[in-house]
Amino acid sequence: MKKSALVFVSILIHGVIISQQMHVSENYFMDKYALSSSYAGHFSPGSFFTSFRSDWTGIVGGPKTLRLSYSDMLMTNAAWGGKIIYDKAGIFDQLYVMGTYSYSLTIVDEHKVILALSAGIYHNKINFTDYYNNPNYNIDPVMIQQDVSSKVKFMSDFSALYLFKGIEAGIMFANINFGDAKYSEVDVTYKPFVNYQLHAAYSLRINDRWNINPLVYIRGGKFISSQIGIASMVKYQNNIWGSLSFRDPGIWGFGFGAKIAKGIRFSYNFNFASSVALNIYNNHEISIGVNIKDLVKKTE
C-alpha cells in the first residue's frame, strides 16, 4: 500500500507541474507589475498593491490567489520591486517570493527599453491531511497526516519592454530555473516549465478628461496551450475607469475601479466562461493599491 501511495503522489506532483503556468491577473491596468516585471518601479513608483482572486466560483476547492507587491525607483533609470504570490487550489499550495531589478535605457529620442531580471524562491505542497481526514475520502490510512512538501526551488524571470510615446510592447520569460528539484517525503523530482508572454498596449489620449488603453497579449509554454487575450480600459480624469476583456477559450470579463481616497485606489474584475453555466467557473478579483508617497505627501 505504501508503494501504491507513493506512485499516486508522483502522479499528482507531475500533474501539478505540467499544468503550472504564469499567474493570471486581470488587475494589469492598475498594477502593471502584475503584467510584466519590466514595469516594476517605472510605473506607479512607491506603490503597494494587494489583490485576492477567486477562480471557479461554485466549484468546491477552486483556486484562490493572494498577491502582494511593492515597487519603487532606486535611482535614476533604475528601479526595484518585490512580490509574494500564494496559490491554493484544493489540497495544492504554491508560494512564490520574487525580487525584481529593472533598468531603463534611452535608445534615441523618445525610444526607450526597460530590461528587468527577477529572482526568488518557489515552494509547493500537497495537503493530504485536508483530503484524507475528510470522512468521505478516508480510504487510505497510510496517507493520513503525510503531507508532501517540495524543497525550496530557485526561480527567475526575464523581461524586456519597449516604449515609444504611448506605445508599449514587451516580452517575458517566467519560471526560469536550473536543474531538477525534489520533494522531502518522496523520491520524486520535478522541473517547472518555462512560460513566455508577449504583449502590446497603447495609451490613447482623447482629451484632458478621457483616455483609452487597449491591450493584447499571448501566453504559452511547454505543455501549455497558447492563450490570446485582448482588453481595453476607458479612464476618466485618471480617477474612474472601466474595462472589458476576452481571452481563450471563450472567457469574457469586465472590471471597474476608482481612486477612493488620497493615494488609495480600488478595482474589481469579473470574468466568466461563455461555454458553461454562468454560476460556475466565474472568476472574481479584488485589488487595493496604495501609493505611499501620495499618502504621506502634505497638501500644499
C-alpha atoms as a PDB file:
ATOM      1  CA  MET A   1       0.000   0.000   0.000  1.00  0.00           C
ATOM      2  CA  LYS A   2       2.876   2.326   0.805  1.00  0.00           C
ATOM      3  CA  LYS A   3       4.321   1.809  -2.673  1.00  0.00           C
ATOM      4  CA  SER A   4       0.994   2.498  -4.359  1.00  0.00           C
ATOM      5  CA  ALA A   5       0.588   5.635  -2.260  1.00  0.00           C
ATOM      6  CA  LEU A   6       3.965   6.948  -3.412  1.00  0.00           C
ATOM      7  CA  VAL A   7       3.065   6.229  -7.020  1.00  0.00           C
ATOM      8  CA  PHE A   8      -0.155   8.200  -6.510  1.00  0.00           C
ATOM      9  CA  VAL A   9       1.840  11.099  -5.041  1.00  0.00           C
ATOM     10  CA  SER A  10       4.189  11.027  -8.037  1.00  0.00           C
ATOM     11  CA  ILE A  11       1.290  11.225 -10.488  1.00  0.00           C
ATOM     12  CA  LEU A  12      -0.246  14.159  -8.611  1.00  0.00           C
ATOM     13  CA  ILE A  13       3.040  16.040  -8.451  1.00  0.00           C
ATOM     14  CA  HIS A  14       3.734  15.666 -12.155  1.00  0.00           C
ATOM     15  CA  GLY A  15       0.171  16.742 -12.903  1.00  0.00           C
ATOM     16  CA  VAL A  16       0.625  19.904 -10.870  1.00  0.00           C
ATOM     17  CA  ILE A  17       3.952  20.769 -12.509  1.00  0.00           C
ATOM     18  CA  ILE A  18       2.755  20.120 -16.055  1.00  0.00           C
ATOM     19  CA  SER A  19      -0.292  22.324 -15.539  1.00  0.00           C
ATOM     20  CA  GLN A  20       1.774  25.064 -13.874  1.00  0.00           C
ATOM     21  CA  GLN A  21       1.661  28.304 -15.796  1.00  0.00           C
ATOM     22  CA  MET A  22       2.083  32.031 -15.485  1.00  0.00           C
ATOM     23  CA  HIS A  23      -0.226  33.580 -12.919  1.00  0.00           C
ATOM     24  CA  VAL A  24      -3.346  35.149 -14.381  1.00  0.00           C
ATOM     25  CA  SER A  25      -4.450  38.554 -13.127  1.00  0.00           C
ATOM     26  CA  GLU A  26      -6.983  40.949 -14.608  1.00  0.00           C
ATOM     27  CA  ASN A  27      -5.571  43.763 -12.478  1.00  0.00           C
ATOM     28  CA  TYR A  28      -2.925  44.695 -15.076  1.00  0.00           C
ATOM     29  CA  PHE A  29      -4.440  48.113 -15.800  1.00  0.00           C
ATOM     30  CA  MET A  30      -3.996  49.292 -12.198  1.00  0.00           C
ATOM     31  CA  ASP A  31      -0.926  47.213 -11.297  1.00  0.00           C
ATOM     32  CA  LYS A  32       1.284  46.865 -14.374  1.00  0.00           C
ATOM     33  CA  TYR A  33       3.867  44.942 -12.350  1.00  0.00           C
ATOM     34  CA  ALA A  34       1.301  42.103 -12.408  1.00  0.00           C
ATOM     35  CA  LEU A  35       1.548  42.061 -16.218  1.00  0.00           C
ATOM     36  CA  SER A  36       5.336  42.140 -16.567  1.00  0.00           C
ATOM     37  CA  SER A  37       8.286  42.604 -14.225  1.00  0.00           C
ATOM     38  CA  SER A  38       9.680  45.333 -16.516  1.00  0.00           C
ATOM     39  CA  TYR A  39       7.059  47.742 -15.203  1.00  0.00           C
ATOM     40  CA  ALA A  40       8.343  47.455 -11.615  1.00  0.00           C
ATOM     41  CA  GLY A  41       9.132  50.884 -10.191  1.00  0.00           C
ATOM     42  CA  HIS A  42       8.932  52.734 -13.510  1.00  0.00           C
ATOM     43  CA  PHE A  43       5.124  52.897 -13.430  1.00  0.00           C
ATOM     44  CA  SER A  44       3.321  53.942 -10.231  1.00  0.00           C
ATOM     45  CA  PRO A  45       6.583  54.146  -8.232  1.00  0.00           C
ATOM     46  CA  GLY A  46       6.217  53.863  -4.482  1.00  0.00           C
ATOM     47  CA  SER A  47       3.010  51.832  -4.772  1.00  0.00           C
ATOM     48  CA  PHE A  48       1.902  48.822  -2.753  1.00  0.00           C
ATOM     49  CA  PHE A  49      -0.697  46.520  -4.302  1.00  0.00           C
ATOM     50  CA  THR A  50      -2.619  43.655  -2.814  1.00  0.00           C
ATOM     51  CA  SER A  51      -5.202  41.503  -4.557  1.00  0.00           C
ATOM     52  CA  PHE A  52      -7.313  38.451  -3.855  1.00  0.00           C
ATOM     53  CA  ARG A  53      -8.522  36.300  -6.739  1.00  0.00           C
ATOM     54  CA  SER A  54     -11.096  33.520  -6.566  1.00  0.00           C
ATOM     55  CA  ASP A  55     -11.358  31.229  -9.601  1.00  0.00           C
ATOM     56  CA  TRP A  56     -14.026  28.667 -10.455  1.00  0.00           C
ATOM     57  CA  THR A  57     -16.664  30.143  -8.153  1.00  0.00           C
ATOM     58  CA  GLY A  58     -19.254  27.476  -7.460  1.00  0.00           C
ATOM     59  CA  ILE A  59     -16.679  24.671  -7.511  1.00  0.00           C
ATOM     60  CA  VAL A  60     -15.525  23.356  -4.116  1.00  0.00           C
ATOM     61  CA  GLY A  61     -11.757  23.746  -3.783  1.00  0.00           C
ATOM     62  CA  GLY A  62     -11.484  26.199  -6.672  1.00  0.00           C
ATOM     63  CA  PRO A  63      -8.182  28.115  -6.937  1.00  0.00           C
ATOM     64  CA  LYS A  64      -7.598  31.110  -4.678  1.00  0.00           C
ATOM     65  CA  THR A  65      -4.681  33.509  -5.165  1.00  0.00           C
ATOM     66  CA  LEU A  66      -3.315  36.177  -2.835  1.00  0.00           C
ATOM     67  CA  ARG A  67      -0.824  38.634  -4.331  1.00  0.00           C
ATOM     68  CA  LEU A  68       1.249  41.319  -2.582  1.00  0.00           C
ATOM     69  CA  SER A  69       3.682  43.604  -4.395  1.00  0.00           C
ATOM     70  CA  TYR A  70       5.654  46.813  -3.972  1.00  0.00           C
ATOM     71  CA  SER A  71       7.952  48.658  -6.372  1.00  0.00           C
ATOM     72  CA  ASP A  72       9.800  51.968  -6.459  1.00  0.00           C
ATOM     73  CA  MET A  73      12.618  53.856  -8.152  1.00  0.00           C
ATOM     74  CA  LEU A  74      16.069  53.004  -6.841  1.00  0.00           C
ATOM     75  CA  MET A  75      17.991  55.749  -8.616  1.00  0.00           C
ATOM     76  CA  THR A  76      17.844  57.486 -11.989  1.00  0.00           C
ATOM     77  CA  ASN A  77      16.693  54.905 -14.570  1.00  0.00           C
ATOM     78  CA  ALA A  78      16.948  52.039 -12.052  1.00  0.00           C
ATOM     79  CA  ALA A  79      14.048  50.546 -10.108  1.00  0.00           C
ATOM     80  CA  TRP A  80      13.243  47.576  -7.917  1.00  0.00           C
ATOM     81  CA  GLY A  81      10.231  45.588  -6.835  1.00  0.00           C
ATOM     82  CA  GLY A  82       9.172  42.620  -4.786  1.00  0.00           C
ATOM     83  CA  LYS A  83       6.149  40.349  -4.847  1.00  0.00           C
ATOM     84  CA  ILE A  84       4.669  37.441  -2.935  1.00  0.00           C
ATOM     85  CA  ILE A  85       2.130  35.170  -4.624  1.00  0.00           C
ATOM     86  CA  TYR A  86       0.312  32.424  -2.736  1.00  0.00           C
ATOM     87  CA  ASP A  87      -1.960  29.948  -4.537  1.00  0.00           C
ATOM     88  CA  LYS A  88      -4.307  27.420  -3.006  1.00  0.00           C
ATOM     89  CA  ALA A  89      -6.347  25.018  -5.123  1.00  0.00           C
ATOM     90  CA  GLY A  90      -7.989  22.269  -3.115  1.00  0.00           C
ATOM     91  CA  ILE A  91      -5.162  20.311  -1.470  1.00  0.00           C
ATOM     92  CA  PHE A  92      -2.440  22.053  -3.525  1.00  0.00           C
ATOM     93  CA  ASP A  93      -0.480  25.076  -2.222  1.00  0.00           C
ATOM     94  CA  GLN A  94       2.123  27.131  -4.104  1.00  0.00           C
ATOM     95  CA  LEU A  95       4.259  30.031  -2.893  1.00  0.00           C
ATOM     96  CA  TYR A  96       6.384  32.439  -4.936  1.00  0.00           C
ATOM     97  CA  VAL A  97       8.637  35.108  -3.368  1.00  0.00           C
ATOM     98  CA  MET A  98      10.400  37.212  -6.003  1.00  0.00           C
ATOM     99  CA  GLY A  99      12.539  40.339  -6.149  1.00  0.00           C
ATOM    100  CA  THR A 100      12.975  42.419  -9.320  1.00  0.00           C
ATOM    101  CA  TYR A 101      15.601  44.823 -10.624  1.00  0.00           C
ATOM    102  CA  SER A 102      14.807  46.863 -13.741  1.00  0.00           C
ATOM    103  CA  TYR A 103      16.749  49.441 -15.721  1.00  0.00           C
ATOM    104  CA  SER A 104      15.567  51.927 -18.350  1.00  0.00           C
ATOM    105  CA  LEU A 105      17.717  52.655 -21.408  1.00  0.00           C
ATOM    106  CA  THR A 106      17.089  55.536 -23.805  1.00  0.00           C
ATOM    107  CA  ILE A 107      17.887  54.314 -27.310  1.00  0.00           C
ATOM    108  CA  VAL A 108      17.202  57.523 -29.217  1.00  0.00           C
ATOM    109  CA  ASP A 109      14.889  60.469 -28.594  1.00  0.00           C
ATOM    110  CA  GLU A 110      11.682  59.045 -27.067  1.00  0.00           C
ATOM    111  CA  HIS A 111      12.511  55.404 -27.753  1.00  0.00           C
ATOM    112  CA  LYS A 112      13.212  53.520 -24.514  1.00  0.00           C
ATOM    113  CA  VAL A 113      13.830  49.925 -23.496  1.00  0.00           C
ATOM    114  CA  ILE A 114      13.377  48.646 -19.959  1.00  0.00           C
ATOM    115  CA  LEU A 115      15.141  45.414 -19.014  1.00  0.00           C
ATOM    116  CA  ALA A 116      14.204  43.501 -15.878  1.00  0.00           C
ATOM    117  CA  LEU A 117      15.504  40.459 -14.051  1.00  0.00           C
ATOM    118  CA  SER A 118      13.687  38.774 -11.179  1.00  0.00           C
ATOM    119  CA  ALA A 119      14.938  36.107  -8.800  1.00  0.00           C
ATOM    120  CA  GLY A 120      13.402  34.337  -5.856  1.00  0.00           C
ATOM    121  CA  ILE A 121      12.103  31.074  -4.484  1.00  0.00           C
ATOM    122  CA  TYR A 122       9.282  28.681  -5.244  1.00  0.00           C
ATOM    123  CA  HIS A 123       7.719  26.084  -2.948  1.00  0.00           C
ATOM    124  CA  ASN A 124       4.714  23.816  -3.294  1.00  0.00           C
ATOM    125  CA  LYS A 125       2.863  21.447  -1.008  1.00  0.00           C
ATOM    126  CA  ILE A 126       0.182  18.786  -1.290  1.00  0.00           C
ATOM    127  CA  ASN A 127      -2.009  18.747   1.830  1.00  0.00           C
ATOM    128  CA  PHE A 128      -3.146  15.146   2.034  1.00  0.00           C
ATOM    129  CA  THR A 129      -4.434  15.692   5.584  1.00  0.00           C
ATOM    130  CA  ASP A 130      -7.059  18.073   4.207  1.00  0.00           C
ATOM    131  CA  TYR A 131      -8.218  15.342   1.835  1.00  0.00           C
ATOM    132  CA  TYR A 132      -7.844  12.053   3.646  1.00  0.00           C
ATOM    133  CA  ASN A 133      -9.040  13.267   7.045  1.00  0.00           C
ATOM    134  CA  ASN A 134     -12.360  14.010   5.374  1.00  0.00           C
ATOM    135  CA  PRO A 135     -14.599  11.042   6.321  1.00  0.00           C
ATOM    136  CA  ASN A 136     -15.931  10.971   2.767  1.00  0.00           C
ATOM    137  CA  TYR A 137     -12.448  10.176   1.435  1.00  0.00           C
ATOM    138  CA  ASN A 138     -10.764   8.355   4.323  1.00  0.00           C
ATOM    139  CA  ILE A 139      -9.780   5.340   2.241  1.00  0.00           C
ATOM    140  CA  ASP A 140      -6.000   5.010   2.616  1.00  0.00           C
ATOM    141  CA  PRO A 141      -4.679   5.214   6.210  1.00  0.00           C
ATOM    142  CA  VAL A 142      -1.049   5.279   5.047  1.00  0.00           C
ATOM    143  CA  MET A 143      -1.627   8.780   3.620  1.00  0.00           C
ATOM    144  CA  ILE A 144      -3.152  10.338   6.742  1.00  0.00           C
ATOM    145  CA  GLN A 145      -1.018  13.173   8.145  1.00  0.00           C
ATOM    146  CA  GLN A 146       1.652  12.718   5.493  1.00  0.00           C
ATOM    147  CA  ASP A 147       1.617  15.996   3.594  1.00  0.00           C
ATOM    148  CA  VAL A 148       4.136  16.259   0.768  1.00  0.00           C
ATOM    149  CA  SER A 149       6.300  19.402   0.602  1.00  0.00           C
ATOM    150  CA  SER A 150       8.776  20.351  -2.079  1.00  0.00           C
ATOM    151  CA  LYS A 151      12.230  21.591  -1.272  1.00  0.00           C
ATOM    152  CA  VAL A 152      12.739  25.298  -1.923  1.00  0.00           C
ATOM    153  CA  LYS A 153      13.452  25.907  -5.610  1.00  0.00           C
ATOM    154  CA  PHE A 154      15.261  28.882  -7.174  1.00  0.00           C
ATOM    155  CA  MET A 155      13.068  30.698  -9.688  1.00  0.00           C
ATOM    156  CA  SER A 156      13.695  33.610 -12.026  1.00  0.00           C
ATOM    157  CA  ASP A 157      12.171  35.589 -14.866  1.00  0.00           C
ATOM    158  CA  PHE A 158      13.500  37.935 -17.515  1.00  0.00           C
ATOM    159  CA  SER A 159      11.560  40.601 -19.378  1.00  0.00           C
ATOM    160  CA  ALA A 160      12.067  43.488 -21.775  1.00  0.00           C
ATOM    161  CA  LEU A 161       9.744  46.388 -22.537  1.00  0.00           C
ATOM    162  CA  TYR A 162       9.873  48.829 -25.458  1.00  0.00           C
ATOM    163  CA  LEU A 163       8.342  52.291 -25.007  1.00  0.00           C
ATOM    164  CA  PHE A 164       7.663  54.981 -27.589  1.00  0.00           C
ATOM    165  CA  LYS A 165       5.236  57.751 -26.747  1.00  0.00           C
ATOM    166  CA  GLY A 166       2.031  55.852 -25.895  1.00  0.00           C
ATOM    167  CA  ILE A 167       3.175  52.501 -27.315  1.00  0.00           C
ATOM    168  CA  GLU A 168       4.276  49.652 -25.028  1.00  0.00           C
ATOM    169  CA  ALA A 169       5.494  46.260 -26.302  1.00  0.00           C
ATOM    170  CA  GLY A 170       7.015  43.598 -24.107  1.00  0.00           C
ATOM    171  CA  ILE A 171       8.288  40.049 -23.847  1.00  0.00           C
ATOM    172  CA  MET A 172       8.763  37.982 -20.701  1.00  0.00           C
ATOM    173  CA  PHE A 173      10.092  34.528 -19.876  1.00  0.00           C
ATOM    174  CA  ALA A 174       8.921  33.232 -16.488  1.00  0.00           C
ATOM    175  CA  ASN A 175       9.648  30.126 -14.388  1.00  0.00           C
ATOM    176  CA  ILE A 176      13.310  30.134 -15.432  1.00  0.00           C
ATOM    177  CA  ASN A 177      15.161  27.606 -13.259  1.00  0.00           C
ATOM    178  CA  PHE A 178      18.184  25.331 -13.321  1.00  0.00           C
ATOM    179  CA  GLY A 179      18.279  21.622 -12.626  1.00  0.00           C
ATOM    180  CA  ASP A 180      15.678  19.409 -11.006  1.00  0.00           C
ATOM    181  CA  ALA A 181      14.183  19.858  -7.562  1.00  0.00           C
ATOM    182  CA  LYS A 182      12.967  17.217  -5.165  1.00  0.00           C
ATOM    183  CA  TYR A 183      10.314  16.570  -2.570  1.00  0.00           C
ATOM    184  CA  SER A 184      11.277  15.864   1.019  1.00  0.00           C
ATOM    185  CA  GLU A 185       8.928  12.943   1.649  1.00  0.00           C
ATOM    186  CA  VAL A 186       9.024  11.034  -1.654  1.00  0.00           C
ATOM    187  CA  ASP A 187      11.629  10.125  -4.248  1.00  0.00           C
ATOM    188  CA  VAL A 188      10.255  12.348  -6.993  1.00  0.00           C
ATOM    189  CA  THR A 189      11.935  15.138  -8.948  1.00  0.00           C
ATOM    190  CA  TYR A 190      10.253  17.978 -10.785  1.00  0.00           C
ATOM    191  CA  LYS A 191      11.173  20.885 -13.012  1.00  0.00           C
ATOM    192  CA  PRO A 192       8.741  23.775 -13.528  1.00  0.00           C
ATOM    193  CA  PHE A 193       8.471  24.630 -17.208  1.00  0.00           C
ATOM    194  CA  VAL A 194       9.439  27.991 -18.664  1.00  0.00           C
ATOM    195  CA  ASN A 195       6.498  30.164 -19.760  1.00  0.00           C
ATOM    196  CA  TYR A 196       6.547  33.070 -22.184  1.00  0.00           C
ATOM    197  CA  GLN A 197       4.380  36.139 -22.697  1.00  0.00           C
ATOM    198  CA  LEU A 198       4.213  38.762 -25.439  1.00  0.00           C
ATOM    199  CA  HIS A 199       2.101  41.870 -25.020  1.00  0.00           C
ATOM    200  CA  ALA A 200       1.391  45.209 -26.666  1.00  0.00           C
ATOM    201  CA  ALA A 201      -0.516  48.188 -25.282  1.00  0.00           C
ATOM    202  CA  TYR A 202      -1.304  51.739 -26.289  1.00  0.00           C
ATOM    203  CA  SER A 203      -2.394  54.835 -24.389  1.00  0.00           C
ATOM    204  CA  LEU A 204      -4.721  56.989 -26.482  1.00  0.00           C
ATOM    205  CA  ARG A 205      -5.486  60.392 -25.007  1.00  0.00           C
ATOM    206  CA  ILE A 206      -8.871  61.593 -26.267  1.00  0.00           C
ATOM    207  CA  ASN A 207      -8.838  64.906 -24.404  1.00  0.00           C
ATOM    208  CA  ASP A 208      -7.945  66.296 -20.988  1.00  0.00           C
ATOM    209  CA  ARG A 209     -10.510  64.039 -19.337  1.00  0.00           C
ATOM    210  CA  TRP A 210     -10.679  60.779 -21.283  1.00  0.00           C
ATOM    211  CA  ASN A 211      -8.087  58.101 -22.045  1.00  0.00           C
ATOM    212  CA  ILE A 212      -8.438  54.735 -23.801  1.00  0.00           C
ATOM    213  CA  ASN A 213      -5.928  51.923 -23.212  1.00  0.00           C
ATOM    214  CA  PRO A 214      -6.175  48.824 -25.451  1.00  0.00           C
ATOM    215  CA  LEU A 215      -4.070  45.742 -24.654  1.00  0.00           C
ATOM    216  CA  VAL A 216      -3.339  42.442 -26.407  1.00  0.00           C
ATOM    217  CA  TYR A 217      -1.216  39.550 -25.140  1.00  0.00           C
ATOM    218  CA  ILE A 218      -0.318  35.943 -25.874  1.00  0.00           C
ATOM    219  CA  ARG A 219       0.906  33.435 -23.293  1.00  0.00           C
ATOM    220  CA  GLY A 220       2.206  29.908 -23.615  1.00  0.00           C
ATOM    221  CA  GLY A 221       4.914  27.433 -22.714  1.00  0.00           C
ATOM    222  CA  LYS A 222       5.976  23.815 -22.770  1.00  0.00           C
ATOM    223  CA  PHE A 223       2.913  21.562 -22.428  1.00  0.00           C
ATOM    224  CA  ILE A 224       0.791  24.730 -22.075  1.00  0.00           C
ATOM    225  CA  SER A 225      -1.527  25.763 -24.895  1.00  0.00           C
ATOM    226  CA  SER A 226      -1.054  29.303 -26.166  1.00  0.00           C
ATOM    227  CA  GLN A 227      -3.659  31.745 -24.902  1.00  0.00           C
ATOM    228  CA  ILE A 228      -4.559  35.025 -26.586  1.00  0.00           C
ATOM    229  CA  GLY A 229      -6.171  37.847 -24.646  1.00  0.00           C
ATOM    230  CA  ILE A 230      -7.459  41.301 -25.544  1.00  0.00           C
ATOM    231  CA  ALA A 231      -8.708  44.038 -23.251  1.00  0.00           C
ATOM    232  CA  SER A 232      -9.448  47.735 -23.252  1.00  0.00           C
ATOM    233  CA  MET A 233      -9.828  50.286 -20.493  1.00  0.00           C
ATOM    234  CA  VAL A 234     -11.539  53.677 -20.553  1.00  0.00           C
ATOM    235  CA  LYS A 235     -10.387  56.106 -17.861  1.00  0.00           C
ATOM    236  CA  TYR A 236     -11.976  59.398 -16.814  1.00  0.00           C
ATOM    237  CA  GLN A 237      -9.776  62.110 -15.269  1.00  0.00           C
ATOM    238  CA  ASN A 238      -7.410  59.398 -14.040  1.00  0.00           C
ATOM    239  CA  ASN A 239      -9.871  58.776 -11.195  1.00  0.00           C
ATOM    240  CA  ILE A 240     -12.512  56.368 -12.545  1.00  0.00           C
ATOM    241  CA  TRP A 241     -12.133  53.565 -15.075  1.00  0.00           C
ATOM    242  CA  GLY A 242     -13.883  50.604 -16.604  1.00  0.00           C
ATOM    243  CA  SER A 243     -12.630  47.732 -18.762  1.00  0.00           C
ATOM    244  CA  LEU A 244     -13.756  44.870 -20.988  1.00  0.00           C
ATOM    245  CA  SER A 245     -11.694  41.761 -21.756  1.00  0.00           C
ATOM    246  CA  PHE A 246     -11.646  38.456 -23.629  1.00  0.00           C
ATOM    247  CA  ARG A 247      -9.184  35.553 -23.534  1.00  0.00           C
ATOM    248  CA  ASP A 248      -9.085  31.996 -24.773  1.00  0.00           C
ATOM    249  CA  PRO A 249     -11.010  29.761 -24.507  1.00  0.00           C
ATOM    250  CA  GLY A 250     -14.192  31.858 -24.540  1.00  0.00           C
ATOM    251  CA  ILE A 251     -13.595  33.785 -21.297  1.00  0.00           C
ATOM    252  CA  TRP A 252     -15.224  37.222 -21.124  1.00  0.00           C
ATOM    253  CA  GLY A 253     -14.769  39.814 -18.427  1.00  0.00           C
ATOM    254  CA  PHE A 254     -15.304  43.328 -17.202  1.00  0.00           C
ATOM    255  CA  GLY A 255     -13.793  45.467 -14.494  1.00  0.00           C
ATOM    256  CA  PHE A 256     -14.052  48.841 -12.847  1.00  0.00           C
ATOM    257  CA  GLY A 257     -12.018  50.905 -10.434  1.00  0.00           C
ATOM    258  CA  ALA A 258     -11.676  54.287  -8.808  1.00  0.00           C
ATOM    259  CA  LYS A 259      -9.475  56.488  -6.721  1.00  0.00           C
ATOM    260  CA  ILE A 260     -11.337  56.254  -3.417  1.00  0.00           C
ATOM    261  CA  ALA A 261      -9.091  58.477  -1.280  1.00  0.00           C
ATOM    262  CA  LYS A 262      -5.795  60.309  -1.404  1.00  0.00           C
ATOM    263  CA  GLY A 263      -3.209  57.794  -2.621  1.00  0.00           C
ATOM    264  CA  ILE A 264      -5.646  54.853  -2.491  1.00  0.00           C
ATOM    265  CA  ARG A 265      -7.230  53.052  -5.451  1.00  0.00           C
ATOM    266  CA  PHE A 266      -9.647  50.149  -5.667  1.00  0.00           C
ATOM    267  CA  SER A 267     -10.504  47.801  -8.525  1.00  0.00           C
ATOM    268  CA  TYR A 268     -12.766  44.815  -9.122  1.00  0.00           C
ATOM    269  CA  ASN A 269     -12.624  42.391 -12.046  1.00  0.00           C
ATOM    270  CA  PHE A 270     -15.015  39.614 -13.006  1.00  0.00           C
ATOM    271  CA  ASN A 271     -14.890  37.102 -15.833  1.00  0.00           C
ATOM    272  CA  PHE A 272     -16.835  34.042 -16.892  1.00  0.00           C
ATOM    273  CA  ALA A 273     -16.595  31.199 -19.392  1.00  0.00           C
ATOM    274  CA  SER A 274     -19.242  31.505 -22.095  1.00  0.00           C
ATOM    275  CA  SER A 275     -19.295  27.739 -22.709  1.00  0.00           C
ATOM    276  CA  VAL A 276     -20.600  26.778 -19.243  1.00  0.00           C
ATOM    277  CA  ALA A 277     -23.375  27.834 -16.866  1.00  0.00           C
ATOM    278  CA  LEU A 278     -22.985  31.384 -15.559  1.00  0.00           C
ATOM    279  CA  ASN A 279     -22.911  30.346 -11.888  1.00  0.00           C
ATOM    280  CA  ILE A 280     -19.754  28.187 -12.201  1.00  0.00           C
ATOM    281  CA  TYR A 281     -16.179  28.857 -13.335  1.00  0.00           C
ATOM    282  CA  ASN A 282     -16.603  32.557 -12.597  1.00  0.00           C
ATOM    283  CA  ASN A 283     -13.513  34.475 -11.505  1.00  0.00           C
ATOM    284  CA  HIS A 284     -13.513  37.415  -9.092  1.00  0.00           C
ATOM    285  CA  GLU A 285     -10.525  39.632  -8.317  1.00  0.00           C
ATOM    286  CA  ILE A 286     -10.493  42.460  -5.778  1.00  0.00           C
ATOM    287  CA  SER A 287      -7.479  44.767  -5.546  1.00  0.00           C
ATOM    288  CA  ILE A 288      -6.290  47.694  -3.464  1.00  0.00           C
ATOM    289  CA  GLY A 289      -3.445  49.995  -4.481  1.00  0.00           C
ATOM    290  CA  VAL A 290      -1.741  52.407  -2.094  1.00  0.00           C
ATOM    291  CA  ASN A 291       0.815  54.956  -3.247  1.00  0.00           C
ATOM    292  CA  ILE A 292       2.871  55.523  -0.122  1.00  0.00           C
ATOM    293  CA  LYS A 293       4.360  58.799  -1.334  1.00  0.00           C
ATOM    294  CA  ASP A 294       0.976  60.292  -2.231  1.00  0.00           C
ATOM    295  CA  LEU A 295      -0.470  59.077   1.055  1.00  0.00           C
ATOM    296  CA  VAL A 296       2.103  60.860   3.214  1.00  0.00           C
ATOM    297  CA  LYS A 297       2.512  63.907   0.979  1.00  0.00           C
ATOM    298  CA  LYS A 298       1.268  67.076   2.600  1.00  0.00           C
ATOM    299  CA  THR A 299      -1.329  69.045   0.674  1.00  0.00           C
ATOM    300  CA  GLU A 300       0.091  72.406  -0.337  1.00  0.00           C
END
